[in-house]
Amino acid sequence: MSASHPSVHPVEAPPLTDGANNPQRVRMKDLQGMPGTRGGLALRFCQFAFALASLCIMVSTSDFTSVTAFCYLVAAVALQSFWSLSLAMVDIYALLVRRSLRNSRVVSMFAVGDGVTSTLTFAAACASAGITVLIDNDLANCYQNHCARFETATAMAFISWFSVSPSFLLNFWSLASR
């Protein structure tokens, strides 16, 4: 039997400390919006819903492929919707098994992924907004195009970006505060 006995390896009592001189470190609670929280899951679903709405609206037009910025928007929101849905599933799993997602590798992966997808979505939404303003205001050519759909898809992409930003900032802050 390889069990240890107290006579062989005595266990010492921890030293008594004064609470004022040496306060114990307390780990901060997970803020709503961080991975593995209900707020984080809600943000992921908002990201997914608005990116998917932007994707569906843009793809429903017949001539979005004629403009490079609109093709870029479709690619960016498709990536955003895939990323948000994947992380929503991870959040659901973490909530179901009551697990905290505070592993530095996991948080760094979330922060990098959110940073990349939010940058792509924002850039695509800005490019699409520029084209819709050009078509609508400058060329006054909306009667031949699907301006309302283009503007709606662009607005949905911006709203998706607005819901990605808190996720990125909270993940980045959590990573930086280690």
N, C-alpha and C. Protein backbone atom coordinates (compact mmCIF):
# COMPACT_ATOMS: atom_id res chain seq x y z
N MET A 1 0.84 -1.17 0.00
CA MET A 1 0.00 0.00 0.00
C MET A 1 0.89 1.24 0.00
N SER A 2 0.62 2.13 -0.90
CA SER A 2 1.49 3.30 -1.04
C SER A 2 0.84 4.57 -0.48
N ALA A 3 -0.04 4.45 0.45
CA ALA A 3 -0.68 5.61 1.05
C ALA A 3 0.26 6.28 2.03
N SER A 4 0.19 7.56 2.14
CA SER A 4 1.03 8.33 3.04
C SER A 4 0.38 8.40 4.41
N HIS A 5 1.20 8.29 5.45
CA HIS A 5 0.70 8.37 6.82
C HIS A 5 1.16 9.67 7.45
N PRO A 6 0.40 10.21 8.38
CA PRO A 6 0.79 11.47 9.01
C PRO A 6 2.13 11.41 9.72
N SER A 7 2.49 10.25 10.21
CA SER A 7 3.78 10.17 10.91
C SER A 7 4.94 10.29 9.94
N VAL A 8 4.74 9.87 8.70
CA VAL A 8 5.80 9.96 7.71
C VAL A 8 5.87 11.37 7.11
N HIS A 9 4.71 11.92 6.76
CA HIS A 9 4.63 13.25 6.15
C HIS A 9 3.66 14.11 6.98
N PRO A 10 4.17 14.73 8.00
CA PRO A 10 3.26 15.52 8.83
C PRO A 10 2.71 16.72 8.07
N VAL A 11 1.47 17.05 8.37
CA VAL A 11 0.81 18.19 7.74
C VAL A 11 0.84 19.34 8.73
N GLU A 12 1.36 20.46 8.28
CA GLU A 12 1.43 21.62 9.16
C GLU A 12 0.20 22.50 8.96
N ALA A 13 -0.18 23.16 10.00
CA ALA A 13 -1.30 24.10 9.92
C ALA A 13 -0.82 25.35 9.20
N PRO A 14 -1.68 25.95 8.41
CA PRO A 14 -1.27 27.19 7.72
C PRO A 14 -1.01 28.28 8.74
N PRO A 15 -0.06 29.16 8.46
CA PRO A 15 0.25 30.23 9.42
C PRO A 15 -0.92 31.19 9.55
N LEU A 16 -1.09 31.67 10.75
CA LEU A 16 -2.14 32.64 11.01
C LEU A 16 -1.67 34.00 10.48
N THR A 17 -2.55 34.65 9.74
CA THR A 17 -2.19 35.96 9.19
C THR A 17 -3.20 36.99 9.65
N ASP A 18 -2.74 38.18 9.70
CA ASP A 18 -3.62 39.29 10.03
C ASP A 18 -4.33 39.72 8.75
N GLY A 19 -5.65 39.78 8.77
CA GLY A 19 -6.44 40.11 7.59
C GLY A 19 -6.15 41.49 7.04
N ALA A 20 -5.74 42.44 7.89
CA ALA A 20 -5.48 43.81 7.43
C ALA A 20 -4.17 43.90 6.67
N ASN A 21 -3.18 43.12 7.09
CA ASN A 21 -1.87 43.20 6.45
C ASN A 21 -1.79 42.39 5.16
N ASN A 22 -2.40 41.25 5.16
CA ASN A 22 -2.33 40.36 3.99
C ASN A 22 -3.74 39.95 3.56
N PRO A 23 -4.44 40.82 2.85
CA PRO A 23 -5.79 40.42 2.43
C PRO A 23 -5.71 39.31 1.38
N GLN A 24 -6.68 38.40 1.46
CA GLN A 24 -6.70 37.32 0.50
C GLN A 24 -7.16 37.84 -0.85
N ARG A 25 -6.55 37.29 -1.90
CA ARG A 25 -6.93 37.70 -3.25
C ARG A 25 -8.24 37.02 -3.62
N VAL A 26 -9.12 37.81 -4.17
CA VAL A 26 -10.43 37.32 -4.58
C VAL A 26 -10.52 37.42 -6.09
N ARG A 27 -10.95 36.36 -6.69
CA ARG A 27 -11.12 36.37 -8.14
C ARG A 27 -12.41 37.10 -8.50
N MET A 28 -12.31 37.96 -9.49
CA MET A 28 -13.46 38.74 -9.89
C MET A 28 -14.51 37.85 -10.55
N LYS A 29 -15.74 38.16 -10.29
CA LYS A 29 -16.82 37.41 -10.92
C LYS A 29 -16.86 37.70 -12.41
N ASP A 30 -17.43 36.76 -13.13
CA ASP A 30 -17.58 36.98 -14.56
C ASP A 30 -18.61 38.07 -14.80
N LEU A 31 -18.24 39.05 -15.60
CA LEU A 31 -19.17 40.11 -15.97
C LEU A 31 -20.10 39.60 -17.06
N GLN A 32 -21.33 40.07 -17.06
CA GLN A 32 -22.25 39.70 -18.12
C GLN A 32 -21.72 40.23 -19.44
N GLY A 33 -21.64 39.37 -20.41
CA GLY A 33 -21.08 39.72 -21.70
C GLY A 33 -19.80 38.97 -21.98
N MET A 34 -19.19 38.44 -20.92
CA MET A 34 -17.98 37.65 -21.10
C MET A 34 -18.38 36.25 -21.56
N PRO A 35 -17.43 35.50 -22.14
CA PRO A 35 -17.77 34.15 -22.59
C PRO A 35 -18.24 33.27 -21.44
N GLY A 36 -19.24 32.48 -21.71
CA GLY A 36 -19.77 31.55 -20.71
C GLY A 36 -20.81 32.16 -19.79
N THR A 37 -21.28 33.37 -20.08
CA THR A 37 -22.32 34.00 -19.28
C THR A 37 -23.57 34.17 -20.13
N ARG A 38 -24.67 34.42 -19.47
CA ARG A 38 -25.92 34.63 -20.22
C ARG A 38 -25.86 35.89 -21.07
N GLY A 39 -25.21 36.91 -20.54
CA GLY A 39 -25.03 38.14 -21.32
C GLY A 39 -24.17 37.91 -22.55
N GLY A 40 -23.14 37.09 -22.40
CA GLY A 40 -22.30 36.74 -23.55
C GLY A 40 -23.07 35.97 -24.59
N LEU A 41 -23.94 35.07 -24.13
CA LEU A 41 -24.77 34.30 -25.06
C LEU A 41 -25.76 35.22 -25.78
N ALA A 42 -26.32 36.17 -25.06
CA ALA A 42 -27.24 37.12 -25.70
C ALA A 42 -26.52 37.97 -26.75
N LEU A 43 -25.30 38.41 -26.44
CA LEU A 43 -24.52 39.16 -27.42
C LEU A 43 -24.22 38.31 -28.65
N ARG A 44 -23.89 37.05 -28.44
CA ARG A 44 -23.59 36.16 -29.57
C ARG A 44 -24.82 35.95 -30.46
N PHE A 45 -25.98 35.80 -29.84
CA PHE A 45 -27.19 35.63 -30.64
C PHE A 45 -27.53 36.91 -31.40
N CYS A 46 -27.31 38.07 -30.78
CA CYS A 46 -27.53 39.34 -31.51
C CYS A 46 -26.57 39.47 -32.68
N GLN A 47 -25.31 39.13 -32.45
CA GLN A 47 -24.33 39.18 -33.53
C GLN A 47 -24.76 38.27 -34.67
N PHE A 48 -25.13 37.05 -34.31
CA PHE A 48 -25.54 36.08 -35.33
C PHE A 48 -26.78 36.53 -36.07
N ALA A 49 -27.79 37.00 -35.34
CA ALA A 49 -29.06 37.36 -35.96
C ALA A 49 -28.89 38.53 -36.93
N PHE A 50 -28.16 39.57 -36.51
CA PHE A 50 -28.01 40.73 -37.39
C PHE A 50 -27.09 40.44 -38.57
N ALA A 51 -26.06 39.64 -38.35
CA ALA A 51 -25.19 39.27 -39.48
C ALA A 51 -25.94 38.38 -40.47
N LEU A 52 -26.75 37.46 -39.95
CA LEU A 52 -27.53 36.59 -40.83
C LEU A 52 -28.59 37.40 -41.59
N ALA A 53 -29.22 38.37 -40.90
CA ALA A 53 -30.20 39.23 -41.58
C ALA A 53 -29.53 40.02 -42.69
N SER A 54 -28.35 40.58 -42.42
CA SER A 54 -27.62 41.32 -43.45
C SER A 54 -27.27 40.41 -44.62
N LEU A 55 -26.83 39.22 -44.32
CA LEU A 55 -26.48 38.26 -45.38
C LEU A 55 -27.68 37.90 -46.23
N CYS A 56 -28.79 37.59 -45.58
CA CYS A 56 -30.00 37.20 -46.33
C CYS A 56 -30.56 38.33 -47.17
N ILE A 57 -30.55 39.53 -46.63
CA ILE A 57 -31.07 40.68 -47.38
C ILE A 57 -30.19 40.97 -48.59
N MET A 58 -28.88 40.93 -48.39
CA MET A 58 -27.98 41.23 -49.49
C MET A 58 -28.04 40.15 -50.57
N VAL A 59 -28.13 38.90 -50.17
CA VAL A 59 -28.17 37.81 -51.16
C VAL A 59 -29.51 37.78 -51.90
N SER A 60 -30.55 38.35 -51.29
CA SER A 60 -31.86 38.35 -51.95
C SER A 60 -31.92 39.30 -53.14
N THR A 61 -30.95 40.21 -53.24
CA THR A 61 -30.91 41.09 -54.41
C THR A 61 -30.21 40.36 -55.54
N SER A 62 -30.58 40.69 -56.75
CA SER A 62 -30.01 39.99 -57.90
C SER A 62 -28.70 40.59 -58.38
N ASP A 63 -28.45 41.85 -58.03
CA ASP A 63 -27.27 42.50 -58.60
C ASP A 63 -26.21 42.88 -57.57
N PHE A 64 -26.16 42.21 -56.42
CA PHE A 64 -25.13 42.55 -55.45
C PHE A 64 -23.74 42.12 -55.94
N THR A 65 -23.69 41.13 -56.82
CA THR A 65 -22.38 40.65 -57.30
C THR A 65 -21.69 41.64 -58.23
N SER A 66 -22.42 42.63 -58.70
CA SER A 66 -21.81 43.60 -59.62
C SER A 66 -20.97 44.65 -58.89
N VAL A 67 -21.07 44.71 -57.56
CA VAL A 67 -20.32 45.69 -56.77
C VAL A 67 -19.41 44.94 -55.80
N THR A 68 -18.13 45.23 -55.84
CA THR A 68 -17.16 44.52 -55.01
C THR A 68 -17.42 44.72 -53.52
N ALA A 69 -17.81 45.92 -53.12
CA ALA A 69 -18.06 46.19 -51.70
C ALA A 69 -19.21 45.34 -51.17
N PHE A 70 -20.21 45.10 -51.99
CA PHE A 70 -21.33 44.26 -51.55
C PHE A 70 -20.91 42.80 -51.45
N CYS A 71 -20.06 42.36 -52.35
CA CYS A 71 -19.52 40.99 -52.25
C CYS A 71 -18.68 40.84 -50.98
N TYR A 72 -17.92 41.87 -50.67
CA TYR A 72 -17.12 41.88 -49.45
C TYR A 72 -18.02 41.85 -48.22
N LEU A 73 -19.12 42.58 -48.26
CA LEU A 73 -20.06 42.57 -47.15
C LEU A 73 -20.66 41.18 -46.96
N VAL A 74 -21.01 40.53 -48.04
CA VAL A 74 -21.57 39.18 -47.95
C VAL A 74 -20.55 38.23 -47.32
N ALA A 75 -19.31 38.31 -47.76
CA ALA A 75 -18.27 37.44 -47.20
C ALA A 75 -18.02 37.73 -45.72
N ALA A 76 -17.98 39.01 -45.37
CA ALA A 76 -17.69 39.39 -43.98
C ALA A 76 -18.82 38.99 -43.04
N VAL A 77 -20.06 39.21 -43.42
CA VAL A 77 -21.16 38.85 -42.51
C VAL A 77 -21.38 37.34 -42.50
N ALA A 78 -21.01 36.64 -43.57
CA ALA A 78 -21.08 35.17 -43.53
C ALA A 78 -20.07 34.64 -42.52
N LEU A 79 -18.84 35.19 -42.54
CA LEU A 79 -17.84 34.80 -41.54
C LEU A 79 -18.29 35.19 -40.14
N GLN A 80 -18.86 36.38 -40.00
CA GLN A 80 -19.33 36.84 -38.69
C GLN A 80 -20.44 35.93 -38.15
N SER A 81 -21.37 35.56 -38.99
CA SER A 81 -22.47 34.71 -38.53
C SER A 81 -21.96 33.32 -38.16
N PHE A 82 -21.01 32.77 -38.92
CA PHE A 82 -20.43 31.48 -38.58
C PHE A 82 -19.68 31.54 -37.26
N TRP A 83 -18.87 32.58 -37.08
CA TRP A 83 -18.09 32.75 -35.86
C TRP A 83 -19.02 32.93 -34.64
N SER A 84 -20.03 33.76 -34.78
CA SER A 84 -20.94 34.02 -33.66
C SER A 84 -21.76 32.79 -33.30
N LEU A 85 -22.20 32.05 -34.29
CA LEU A 85 -22.95 30.82 -34.02
C LEU A 85 -22.07 29.79 -33.33
N SER A 86 -20.83 29.66 -33.78
CA SER A 86 -19.91 28.71 -33.15
C SER A 86 -19.67 29.06 -31.69
N LEU A 87 -19.43 30.33 -31.40
CA LEU A 87 -19.18 30.73 -30.02
C LEU A 87 -20.45 30.71 -29.18
N ALA A 88 -21.60 30.89 -29.80
CA ALA A 88 -22.86 30.75 -29.06
C ALA A 88 -23.02 29.31 -28.60
N MET A 89 -22.63 28.35 -29.43
CA MET A 89 -22.69 26.95 -29.02
C MET A 89 -21.73 26.67 -27.87
N VAL A 90 -20.55 27.27 -27.90
CA VAL A 90 -19.60 27.12 -26.80
C VAL A 90 -20.17 27.73 -25.53
N ASP A 91 -20.80 28.90 -25.65
CA ASP A 91 -21.42 29.53 -24.48
C ASP A 91 -22.56 28.68 -23.92
N ILE A 92 -23.36 28.10 -24.79
CA ILE A 92 -24.45 27.23 -24.33
C ILE A 92 -23.89 26.04 -23.57
N TYR A 93 -22.84 25.43 -24.11
CA TYR A 93 -22.21 24.30 -23.43
C TYR A 93 -21.68 24.73 -22.07
N ALA A 94 -21.00 25.87 -22.01
CA ALA A 94 -20.43 26.36 -20.75
C ALA A 94 -21.53 26.64 -19.72
N LEU A 95 -22.65 27.16 -20.18
CA LEU A 95 -23.76 27.42 -19.25
C LEU A 95 -24.42 26.13 -18.78
N LEU A 96 -24.54 25.17 -19.67
CA LEU A 96 -25.18 23.90 -19.29
C LEU A 96 -24.35 23.11 -18.29
N VAL A 97 -23.05 23.10 -18.45
CA VAL A 97 -22.19 22.34 -17.53
C VAL A 97 -21.63 23.23 -16.42
N ARG A 98 -22.08 24.47 -16.37
CA ARG A 98 -21.68 25.44 -15.35
C ARG A 98 -20.16 25.56 -15.26
N ARG A 99 -19.58 25.85 -16.39
CA ARG A 99 -18.14 25.95 -16.50
C ARG A 99 -17.75 27.37 -16.87
N SER A 100 -16.72 27.86 -16.24
CA SER A 100 -16.22 29.20 -16.53
C SER A 100 -15.21 29.12 -17.67
N LEU A 101 -15.30 30.05 -18.57
CA LEU A 101 -14.37 30.10 -19.71
C LEU A 101 -13.29 31.14 -19.45
N ARG A 102 -12.48 30.90 -18.43
CA ARG A 102 -11.44 31.85 -18.07
C ARG A 102 -10.05 31.35 -18.42
N ASN A 103 -9.95 30.29 -19.17
CA ASN A 103 -8.66 29.79 -19.61
C ASN A 103 -8.04 30.83 -20.55
N SER A 104 -6.77 31.14 -20.34
CA SER A 104 -6.16 32.21 -21.12
C SER A 104 -6.10 31.89 -22.61
N ARG A 105 -5.92 30.63 -22.95
CA ARG A 105 -5.90 30.27 -24.37
C ARG A 105 -7.28 30.45 -25.01
N VAL A 106 -8.30 30.06 -24.29
CA VAL A 106 -9.66 30.20 -24.81
C VAL A 106 -10.01 31.67 -24.96
N VAL A 107 -9.72 32.46 -23.94
CA VAL A 107 -10.04 33.88 -23.97
C VAL A 107 -9.24 34.59 -25.06
N SER A 108 -7.97 34.21 -25.25
CA SER A 108 -7.19 34.85 -26.31
C SER A 108 -7.71 34.47 -27.68
N MET A 109 -8.18 33.22 -27.84
CA MET A 109 -8.78 32.82 -29.12
C MET A 109 -10.06 33.62 -29.38
N PHE A 110 -10.89 33.77 -28.34
CA PHE A 110 -12.11 34.56 -28.49
C PHE A 110 -11.78 36.01 -28.83
N ALA A 111 -10.79 36.58 -28.15
CA ALA A 111 -10.44 37.99 -28.38
C ALA A 111 -9.90 38.20 -29.80
N VAL A 112 -9.03 37.32 -30.24
CA VAL A 112 -8.48 37.46 -31.59
C VAL A 112 -9.57 37.26 -32.64
N GLY A 113 -10.40 36.23 -32.46
CA GLY A 113 -11.48 35.98 -33.41
C GLY A 113 -12.48 37.12 -33.46
N ASP A 114 -12.86 37.64 -32.29
CA ASP A 114 -13.78 38.77 -32.26
C ASP A 114 -13.14 40.01 -32.89
N GLY A 115 -11.85 40.22 -32.64
CA GLY A 115 -11.17 41.37 -33.22
C GLY A 115 -11.12 41.30 -34.73
N VAL A 116 -10.79 40.13 -35.26
CA VAL A 116 -10.69 39.97 -36.71
C VAL A 116 -12.07 40.09 -37.36
N THR A 117 -13.06 39.38 -36.83
CA THR A 117 -14.39 39.43 -37.46
C THR A 117 -15.04 40.80 -37.31
N SER A 118 -14.82 41.47 -36.18
CA SER A 118 -15.41 42.80 -36.03
C SER A 118 -14.75 43.81 -36.98
N THR A 119 -13.45 43.69 -37.17
CA THR A 119 -12.76 44.58 -38.11
C THR A 119 -13.25 44.35 -39.53
N LEU A 120 -13.38 43.10 -39.92
CA LEU A 120 -13.86 42.79 -41.27
C LEU A 120 -15.30 43.27 -41.47
N THR A 121 -16.15 43.04 -40.48
CA THR A 121 -17.55 43.45 -40.59
C THR A 121 -17.66 44.97 -40.66
N PHE A 122 -16.89 45.67 -39.83
CA PHE A 122 -16.94 47.13 -39.84
C PHE A 122 -16.44 47.69 -41.17
N ALA A 123 -15.35 47.14 -41.67
CA ALA A 123 -14.81 47.62 -42.94
C ALA A 123 -15.78 47.36 -44.08
N ALA A 124 -16.40 46.19 -44.09
CA ALA A 124 -17.36 45.86 -45.15
C ALA A 124 -18.59 46.74 -45.05
N ALA A 125 -19.06 47.00 -43.84
CA ALA A 125 -20.23 47.86 -43.68
C ALA A 125 -19.92 49.29 -44.11
N CYS A 126 -18.73 49.77 -43.80
CA CYS A 126 -18.34 51.12 -44.23
C CYS A 126 -18.24 51.21 -45.75
N ALA A 127 -17.65 50.20 -46.37
CA ALA A 127 -17.53 50.20 -47.82
C ALA A 127 -18.91 50.15 -48.48
N SER A 128 -19.78 49.32 -47.94
CA SER A 128 -21.14 49.22 -48.50
C SER A 128 -21.93 50.51 -48.28
N ALA A 129 -21.72 51.13 -47.13
CA ALA A 129 -22.41 52.40 -46.88
C ALA A 129 -21.94 53.46 -47.87
N GLY A 130 -20.67 53.46 -48.18
CA GLY A 130 -20.16 54.41 -49.16
C GLY A 130 -20.77 54.20 -50.54
N ILE A 131 -20.92 52.95 -50.93
CA ILE A 131 -21.51 52.65 -52.24
C ILE A 131 -23.00 53.01 -52.26
N THR A 132 -23.71 52.72 -51.17
CA THR A 132 -25.14 53.05 -51.16
C THR A 132 -25.35 54.56 -51.18
N VAL A 133 -24.48 55.32 -50.51
CA VAL A 133 -24.58 56.78 -50.56
C VAL A 133 -24.27 57.27 -51.98
N LEU A 134 -23.28 56.65 -52.61
CA LEU A 134 -22.95 57.02 -53.98
C LEU A 134 -24.13 56.76 -54.92
N ILE A 135 -24.74 55.59 -54.80
CA ILE A 135 -25.85 55.25 -55.70
C ILE A 135 -27.06 56.14 -55.41
N ASP A 136 -27.37 56.35 -54.15
CA ASP A 136 -28.59 57.06 -53.78
C ASP A 136 -28.45 58.58 -53.93
N ASN A 137 -27.48 59.16 -53.28
CA ASN A 137 -27.37 60.63 -53.24
C ASN A 137 -26.64 61.22 -54.44
N ASP A 138 -25.51 60.64 -54.77
CA ASP A 138 -24.67 61.26 -55.79
C ASP A 138 -25.12 60.95 -57.21
N LEU A 139 -25.47 59.71 -57.45
CA LEU A 139 -25.89 59.34 -58.81
C LEU A 139 -27.40 59.43 -59.02
N ALA A 140 -28.14 59.52 -57.93
CA ALA A 140 -29.61 59.54 -57.98
C ALA A 140 -30.13 58.41 -58.87
N ASN A 141 -29.61 57.22 -58.62
CA ASN A 141 -29.90 56.08 -59.47
C ASN A 141 -30.60 54.97 -58.68
N CYS A 142 -31.35 55.34 -57.66
CA CYS A 142 -31.99 54.33 -56.82
C CYS A 142 -33.16 53.63 -57.50
N TYR A 143 -33.78 54.27 -58.42
CA TYR A 143 -34.94 53.66 -59.06
C TYR A 143 -34.55 52.42 -59.86
N GLN A 144 -33.27 52.30 -60.28
CA GLN A 144 -32.83 51.13 -61.03
C GLN A 144 -32.21 50.07 -60.13
N ASN A 145 -31.88 50.42 -58.90
CA ASN A 145 -31.19 49.49 -57.99
C ASN A 145 -32.08 49.16 -56.79
N HIS A 146 -31.57 48.29 -55.97
CA HIS A 146 -32.26 47.88 -54.74
C HIS A 146 -31.70 48.67 -53.56
N CYS A 147 -31.83 49.98 -53.62
CA CYS A 147 -31.20 50.82 -52.59
C CYS A 147 -31.71 50.52 -51.19
N ALA A 148 -33.00 50.33 -51.05
CA ALA A 148 -33.55 50.07 -49.72
C ALA A 148 -32.98 48.78 -49.14
N ARG A 149 -32.84 47.77 -49.95
CA ARG A 149 -32.26 46.51 -49.48
C ARG A 149 -30.77 46.67 -49.16
N PHE A 150 -30.06 47.39 -50.01
CA PHE A 150 -28.64 47.61 -49.76
C PHE A 150 -28.44 48.38 -48.45
N GLU A 151 -29.25 49.41 -48.23
CA GLU A 151 -29.15 50.21 -47.01
C GLU A 151 -29.52 49.39 -45.78
N THR A 152 -30.55 48.55 -45.90
CA THR A 152 -30.95 47.71 -44.78
C THR A 152 -29.88 46.69 -44.44
N ALA A 153 -29.30 46.06 -45.45
CA ALA A 153 -28.23 45.09 -45.21
C ALA A 153 -27.02 45.75 -44.57
N THR A 154 -26.71 46.95 -45.02
CA THR A 154 -25.59 47.69 -44.44
C THR A 154 -25.88 48.06 -43.00
N ALA A 155 -27.09 48.49 -42.72
CA ALA A 155 -27.47 48.83 -41.33
C ALA A 155 -27.39 47.60 -40.43
N MET A 156 -27.84 46.46 -40.93
CA MET A 156 -27.77 45.23 -40.14
C MET A 156 -26.31 44.84 -39.86
N ALA A 157 -25.44 45.06 -40.82
CA ALA A 157 -24.01 44.78 -40.61
C ALA A 157 -23.43 45.70 -39.54
N PHE A 158 -23.83 46.97 -39.56
CA PHE A 158 -23.36 47.89 -38.52
C PHE A 158 -23.88 47.47 -37.14
N ILE A 159 -25.13 47.07 -37.06
CA ILE A 159 -25.67 46.63 -35.77
C ILE A 159 -24.97 45.37 -35.29
N SER A 160 -24.65 44.48 -36.21
CA SER A 160 -23.87 43.29 -35.85
C SER A 160 -22.51 43.69 -35.30
N TRP A 161 -21.89 44.67 -35.94
CA TRP A 161 -20.60 45.14 -35.45
C TRP A 161 -20.73 45.77 -34.06
N PHE A 162 -21.82 46.52 -33.83
CA PHE A 162 -22.04 47.11 -32.51
C PHE A 162 -22.19 46.05 -31.44
N SER A 163 -22.73 44.89 -31.77
CA SER A 163 -22.87 43.84 -30.77
C SER A 163 -21.62 42.99 -30.64
N VAL A 164 -20.71 43.04 -31.61
CA VAL A 164 -19.43 42.33 -31.49
C VAL A 164 -18.46 43.13 -30.63
N SER A 165 -18.55 44.43 -30.69
CA SER A 165 -17.60 45.29 -29.97
C SER A 165 -17.55 45.03 -28.46
N PRO A 166 -18.69 44.92 -27.76
CA PRO A 166 -18.58 44.61 -26.33
C PRO A 166 -17.94 43.25 -26.06
N SER A 167 -18.23 42.27 -26.90
CA SER A 167 -17.61 40.95 -26.72
C SER A 167 -16.10 41.05 -26.86
N PHE A 168 -15.65 41.74 -27.90
CA PHE A 168 -14.21 41.90 -28.10
C PHE A 168 -13.58 42.65 -26.93
N LEU A 169 -14.18 43.75 -26.52
CA LEU A 169 -13.60 44.55 -25.45
C LEU A 169 -13.54 43.79 -24.13
N LEU A 170 -14.60 43.04 -23.80
CA LEU A 170 -14.59 42.27 -22.56
C LEU A 170 -13.58 41.13 -22.61
N ASN A 171 -13.46 40.47 -23.74
CA ASN A 171 -12.46 39.41 -23.87
C ASN A 171 -11.05 39.97 -23.80
N PHE A 172 -10.81 41.07 -24.47
CA PHE A 172 -9.50 41.69 -24.46
C PHE A 172 -9.17 42.20 -23.06
N TRP A 173 -10.14 42.79 -22.38
CA TRP A 173 -9.92 43.28 -21.02
C TRP A 173 -9.63 42.12 -20.08
N SER A 174 -10.37 41.02 -20.21
CA SER A 174 -10.14 39.86 -19.38
C SER A 174 -8.76 39.28 -19.62
N LEU A 175 -8.31 39.28 -20.86
CA LEU A 175 -6.98 38.78 -21.18
C LEU A 175 -5.91 39.72 -20.65
N ALA A 176 -6.13 41.01 -20.76
CA ALA A 176 -5.13 41.98 -20.31
C ALA A 176 -5.04 42.08 -18.79
N SER A 177 -6.10 41.71 -18.09
CA SER A 177 -6.10 41.85 -16.62
C SER A 177 -5.51 40.63 -15.93
N ARG A 178 -4.96 39.72 -16.64
CA ARG A 178 -4.34 38.53 -16.00
C ARG A 178 -3.03 38.89 -15.36
